[in-house]
Amino acid sequence: MTTSDRKYSVGVIGIGKMGSPMASRIAAHGYPLHVYDISEAAIKGFCSRVTAAQAAKTLADIGRSSEVVILMLPDSDVVKRVLFGEKDGLAAHLSRGSIVIDMSSSNPSVTREIGPRLKQAGVDFIDVPVSGGVRRAIDGSLAIMAGGDSAVIARVKPLLLTMGK
């Protein structure tokens, strides 16, 4: 198996209107999937539709179970709270060598601050905004733009291609 064929254990945080269909596509392509959302109803509903997905009760659960974590959150403030929150920030639970993919609607200046903070802990970070809305998230035709270390992007490209091009 080559690196590009590897099915990473994936965590998706934020399974709302965009994150839910994106996570569904990841699971449909055979990636081990763990999901988390602030809404327990969203987690329960998603896991009832996508039975291969595992519900995570906490951000720590996502960090411990995932080699790659995708964030699909509303804005940079939420991204920072999820990653570095005082009580249960995800970053404290990620293993060295993990990858965080931020697909959220984030402020570029905040995004540029996040990468170096994660890198200090041995975690890679790439900024991967998407375009196309819910319809294209459902059919897997999102326009995906990736920024960051090209080697890290290459490692997760097959995963990204499950959601678009």
Foldseek 3Di string as FASTA:
>chain_A
DDLQPDQWAEEEEDCPLQNLLLQLLSVVVPHQYEYHYPDPVSQVVSCVVRVSYHYDPALLSRQQRGLEYEYADAELVVVCCCQPNPPGHNLVNHAQNGEYEYQYHYDVVSLVVPQVVSVVRNYGYKYKHWDDGSVLQNVQAIDIDIDDDPVVCSSCVSSNSSRHD
